[in-house]
Amino acid sequence: MYLDQSTSRSNDADNAASSARPAPASSEFRSRLQTIERLLTTLDQLPASDPPPDLVARTLRRIEEHDLAAKTFGPVGGAGVGATRPSV
């Protein structure tokens, strides 16, 4: 059972050392958790399929295409590793 991060405090001064305990998860959280567990159980029941026979070839081709694009157009997303700033 998951617990949320909030705490409940006891008013008992004698029990001060153990007064901070995690509060039980809300009913909304429990409902969401049960929904996720049902979904994962359903997915777990699906048959495992074999990867396509050309997966390695397609992966290597995409890596080569990415490398070619990086050489042609420069790093993706702006300044990347090895990028230099223009001198002023």
N, C-alpha and C. Protein backbone atom coordinates (compact mmCIF):
# COMPACT_ATOMS: atom_id res chain seq x y z
N MET A 1 0.85 -1.18 0.00
CA MET A 1 0.00 0.00 0.00
C MET A 1 0.89 1.24 0.00
N TYR A 2 0.64 2.13 -0.90
CA TYR A 2 1.39 3.38 -0.98
C TYR A 2 0.82 4.37 0.03
N LEU A 3 1.69 5.18 0.57
CA LEU A 3 1.28 6.20 1.51
C LEU A 3 1.68 7.55 0.96
N ASP A 4 0.86 8.56 1.22
CA ASP A 4 1.25 9.89 0.74
C ASP A 4 2.27 10.49 1.70
N GLN A 5 2.79 11.65 1.34
CA GLN A 5 3.87 12.25 2.10
C GLN A 5 3.40 13.07 3.30
N SER A 6 2.11 13.28 3.43
CA SER A 6 1.63 14.06 4.58
C SER A 6 1.74 13.22 5.85
N THR A 7 1.75 13.90 6.97
CA THR A 7 1.87 13.20 8.24
C THR A 7 0.72 13.57 9.14
N SER A 8 0.39 12.65 10.02
CA SER A 8 -0.59 12.96 11.05
C SER A 8 0.15 13.01 12.38
N ARG A 9 -0.21 13.93 13.22
CA ARG A 9 0.49 14.13 14.49
C ARG A 9 -0.39 13.67 15.65
N SER A 10 0.24 13.06 16.61
CA SER A 10 -0.45 12.62 17.81
C SER A 10 -0.36 13.72 18.85
N ASN A 11 -1.38 13.85 19.69
CA ASN A 11 -1.37 14.84 20.76
C ASN A 11 -0.77 14.28 22.03
N ASP A 12 -0.39 13.03 22.05
CA ASP A 12 0.16 12.38 23.22
C ASP A 12 1.61 12.79 23.40
N ALA A 13 1.93 13.52 24.47
CA ALA A 13 3.28 14.01 24.71
C ALA A 13 4.23 12.85 25.02
N ASP A 14 3.75 11.78 25.64
CA ASP A 14 4.60 10.62 25.96
C ASP A 14 5.04 9.88 24.70
N ASN A 15 4.29 10.01 23.65
CA ASN A 15 4.58 9.29 22.42
C ASN A 15 5.17 10.22 21.37
N ALA A 16 5.93 11.23 21.80
CA ALA A 16 6.45 12.26 20.90
C ALA A 16 7.42 11.70 19.87
N ALA A 17 8.20 10.69 20.25
CA ALA A 17 9.19 10.15 19.32
C ALA A 17 8.53 9.49 18.11
N SER A 18 7.38 8.89 18.31
CA SER A 18 6.72 8.21 17.20
C SER A 18 5.44 8.92 16.78
N SER A 19 5.38 10.23 17.02
CA SER A 19 4.14 10.95 16.74
C SER A 19 3.95 11.25 15.26
N ALA A 20 5.04 11.31 14.50
CA ALA A 20 4.90 11.60 13.08
C ALA A 20 4.81 10.29 12.32
N ARG A 21 3.64 10.02 11.77
CA ARG A 21 3.41 8.81 10.99
C ARG A 21 2.80 9.21 9.66
N PRO A 22 3.16 8.49 8.61
CA PRO A 22 2.54 8.81 7.33
C PRO A 22 1.03 8.55 7.38
N ALA A 23 0.28 9.47 6.81
CA ALA A 23 -1.17 9.31 6.77
C ALA A 23 -1.52 8.31 5.66
N PRO A 24 -2.59 7.57 5.83
CA PRO A 24 -3.01 6.66 4.76
C PRO A 24 -3.31 7.43 3.47
N ALA A 25 -3.12 6.77 2.37
CA ALA A 25 -3.37 7.40 1.08
C ALA A 25 -4.85 7.73 0.94
N SER A 26 -5.16 8.78 0.21
CA SER A 26 -6.54 9.20 0.01
C SER A 26 -7.29 8.16 -0.81
N SER A 27 -8.61 8.21 -0.72
CA SER A 27 -9.42 7.24 -1.49
C SER A 27 -9.27 7.48 -2.99
N GLU A 28 -9.07 8.73 -3.40
CA GLU A 28 -8.86 9.02 -4.82
C GLU A 28 -7.56 8.38 -5.30
N PHE A 29 -6.52 8.48 -4.49
CA PHE A 29 -5.24 7.88 -4.85
C PHE A 29 -5.36 6.36 -4.94
N ARG A 30 -6.05 5.76 -3.96
CA ARG A 30 -6.24 4.31 -3.98
C ARG A 30 -7.00 3.87 -5.22
N SER A 31 -8.01 4.65 -5.61
CA SER A 31 -8.80 4.33 -6.79
C SER A 31 -7.92 4.39 -8.05
N ARG A 32 -7.11 5.42 -8.14
CA ARG A 32 -6.21 5.55 -9.29
C ARG A 32 -5.19 4.42 -9.32
N LEU A 33 -4.69 4.04 -8.15
CA LEU A 33 -3.72 2.96 -8.06
C LEU A 33 -4.34 1.64 -8.51
N GLN A 34 -5.57 1.39 -8.10
CA GLN A 34 -6.26 0.17 -8.52
C GLN A 34 -6.48 0.15 -10.03
N THR A 35 -6.80 1.30 -10.61
CA THR A 35 -6.98 1.39 -12.05
C THR A 35 -5.69 1.06 -12.77
N ILE A 36 -4.59 1.59 -12.29
CA ILE A 36 -3.28 1.32 -12.89
C ILE A 36 -2.93 -0.16 -12.75
N GLU A 37 -3.20 -0.74 -11.59
CA GLU A 37 -2.91 -2.16 -11.39
C GLU A 37 -3.73 -3.03 -12.34
N ARG A 38 -5.00 -2.67 -12.57
CA ARG A 38 -5.83 -3.43 -13.51
C ARG A 38 -5.27 -3.32 -14.93
N LEU A 39 -4.83 -2.12 -15.30
CA LEU A 39 -4.26 -1.91 -16.62
C LEU A 39 -2.99 -2.73 -16.80
N LEU A 40 -2.12 -2.71 -15.81
CA LEU A 40 -0.87 -3.47 -15.90
C LEU A 40 -1.14 -4.97 -15.94
N THR A 41 -2.13 -5.43 -15.21
CA THR A 41 -2.50 -6.84 -15.24
C THR A 41 -3.00 -7.23 -16.62
N THR A 42 -3.81 -6.36 -17.22
CA THR A 42 -4.31 -6.61 -18.58
C THR A 42 -3.16 -6.65 -19.57
N LEU A 43 -2.25 -5.70 -19.49
CA LEU A 43 -1.10 -5.69 -20.39
C LEU A 43 -0.21 -6.91 -20.20
N ASP A 44 -0.12 -7.38 -18.97
CA ASP A 44 0.70 -8.54 -18.66
C ASP A 44 0.14 -9.80 -19.31
N GLN A 45 -1.15 -9.82 -19.59
CA GLN A 45 -1.80 -10.99 -20.19
C GLN A 45 -1.64 -11.03 -21.71
N LEU A 46 -1.17 -9.95 -22.31
CA LEU A 46 -0.97 -9.93 -23.76
C LEU A 46 0.19 -10.86 -24.12
N PRO A 47 0.09 -11.53 -25.26
CA PRO A 47 1.20 -12.41 -25.65
C PRO A 47 2.42 -11.58 -26.05
N ALA A 48 3.57 -12.10 -25.68
CA ALA A 48 4.82 -11.43 -26.06
C ALA A 48 5.10 -11.75 -27.51
N SER A 49 5.36 -10.72 -28.30
CA SER A 49 5.64 -10.95 -29.71
C SER A 49 7.14 -10.85 -29.95
N ASP A 50 7.59 -11.58 -30.96
CA ASP A 50 9.00 -11.53 -31.33
C ASP A 50 9.28 -10.21 -32.04
N PRO A 51 10.49 -9.69 -31.87
CA PRO A 51 10.82 -8.46 -32.58
C PRO A 51 10.87 -8.73 -34.09
N PRO A 52 10.64 -7.71 -34.90
CA PRO A 52 10.70 -7.90 -36.35
C PRO A 52 12.10 -8.36 -36.77
N PRO A 53 12.19 -9.19 -37.80
CA PRO A 53 13.50 -9.71 -38.20
C PRO A 53 14.46 -8.63 -38.69
N ASP A 54 13.95 -7.50 -39.15
CA ASP A 54 14.83 -6.44 -39.66
C ASP A 54 15.08 -5.34 -38.63
N LEU A 55 14.84 -5.62 -37.35
CA LEU A 55 14.98 -4.59 -36.32
C LEU A 55 16.41 -4.05 -36.24
N VAL A 56 17.39 -4.93 -36.26
CA VAL A 56 18.79 -4.48 -36.16
C VAL A 56 19.15 -3.61 -37.36
N ALA A 57 18.77 -4.04 -38.54
CA ALA A 57 19.10 -3.27 -39.75
C ALA A 57 18.43 -1.90 -39.71
N ARG A 58 17.15 -1.85 -39.30
CA ARG A 58 16.45 -0.56 -39.23
C ARG A 58 17.07 0.35 -38.19
N THR A 59 17.47 -0.23 -37.05
CA THR A 59 18.08 0.58 -35.98
C THR A 59 19.40 1.17 -36.46
N LEU A 60 20.24 0.34 -37.08
CA LEU A 60 21.53 0.84 -37.58
C LEU A 60 21.34 1.89 -38.65
N ARG A 61 20.33 1.72 -39.53
CA ARG A 61 20.05 2.71 -40.56
C ARG A 61 19.64 4.04 -39.93
N ARG A 62 18.81 3.98 -38.89
CA ARG A 62 18.40 5.24 -38.23
C ARG A 62 19.57 5.93 -37.55
N ILE A 63 20.47 5.14 -36.97
CA ILE A 63 21.66 5.73 -36.35
C ILE A 63 22.51 6.42 -37.41
N GLU A 64 22.70 5.75 -38.55
CA GLU A 64 23.49 6.35 -39.63
C GLU A 64 22.82 7.62 -40.16
N GLU A 65 21.48 7.60 -40.30
CA GLU A 65 20.76 8.79 -40.76
C GLU A 65 20.92 9.93 -39.77
N HIS A 66 20.88 9.61 -38.49
CA HIS A 66 21.05 10.65 -37.46
C HIS A 66 22.45 11.23 -37.53
N ASP A 67 23.45 10.35 -37.66
CA ASP A 67 24.83 10.82 -37.75
C ASP A 67 25.03 11.72 -38.96
N LEU A 68 24.46 11.32 -40.10
CA LEU A 68 24.56 12.12 -41.32
C LEU A 68 23.88 13.48 -41.14
N ALA A 69 22.70 13.48 -40.53
CA ALA A 69 21.98 14.74 -40.29
C ALA A 69 22.77 15.64 -39.35
N ALA A 70 23.39 15.05 -38.33
CA ALA A 70 24.17 15.86 -37.38
C ALA A 70 25.37 16.49 -38.07
N LYS A 71 25.99 15.75 -39.00
CA LYS A 71 27.14 16.31 -39.73
C LYS A 71 26.70 17.39 -40.71
N THR A 72 25.53 17.20 -41.31
CA THR A 72 25.03 18.14 -42.30
C THR A 72 24.47 19.40 -41.67
N PHE A 73 23.65 19.24 -40.64
CA PHE A 73 22.92 20.37 -40.06
C PHE A 73 23.45 20.82 -38.71
N GLY A 74 24.39 20.14 -38.14
CA GLY A 74 24.91 20.49 -36.83
C GLY A 74 24.10 19.82 -35.74
N PRO A 75 24.47 20.09 -34.49
CA PRO A 75 23.80 19.43 -33.37
C PRO A 75 22.31 19.77 -33.32
N VAL A 76 21.53 18.81 -32.94
CA VAL A 76 20.08 19.01 -32.80
C VAL A 76 19.82 19.74 -31.50
N GLY A 77 18.91 20.70 -31.50
CA GLY A 77 18.53 21.39 -30.27
C GLY A 77 19.43 22.54 -29.91
N GLY A 78 20.11 23.12 -30.86
CA GLY A 78 20.93 24.28 -30.55
C GLY A 78 22.34 23.88 -30.18
N ALA A 79 22.95 24.67 -29.30
CA ALA A 79 24.33 24.42 -28.90
C ALA A 79 24.42 23.10 -28.16
N GLY A 80 25.24 22.22 -28.66
CA GLY A 80 25.39 20.91 -28.04
C GLY A 80 26.82 20.69 -27.63
N VAL A 81 27.17 19.43 -27.44
CA VAL A 81 28.51 19.07 -27.05
C VAL A 81 29.47 19.47 -28.17
N GLY A 82 30.53 20.14 -27.79
CA GLY A 82 31.51 20.54 -28.77
C GLY A 82 31.17 21.82 -29.50
N ALA A 83 30.04 22.44 -29.17
CA ALA A 83 29.66 23.69 -29.84
C ALA A 83 30.59 24.81 -29.38
N THR A 84 30.91 25.69 -30.29
CA THR A 84 31.76 26.82 -29.93
C THR A 84 30.96 28.09 -30.04
N ARG A 85 31.33 29.05 -29.26
CA ARG A 85 30.68 30.36 -29.30
C ARG A 85 31.41 31.24 -30.30
N PRO A 86 30.67 32.07 -30.99
CA PRO A 86 31.36 32.98 -31.92
C PRO A 86 32.24 33.97 -31.17
N SER A 87 33.38 34.27 -31.74
CA SER A 87 34.26 35.25 -31.08
C SER A 87 33.77 36.65 -31.39
N VAL A 88 33.94 37.53 -30.44
CA VAL A 88 33.46 38.90 -30.59
C VAL A 88 34.58 39.83 -30.87
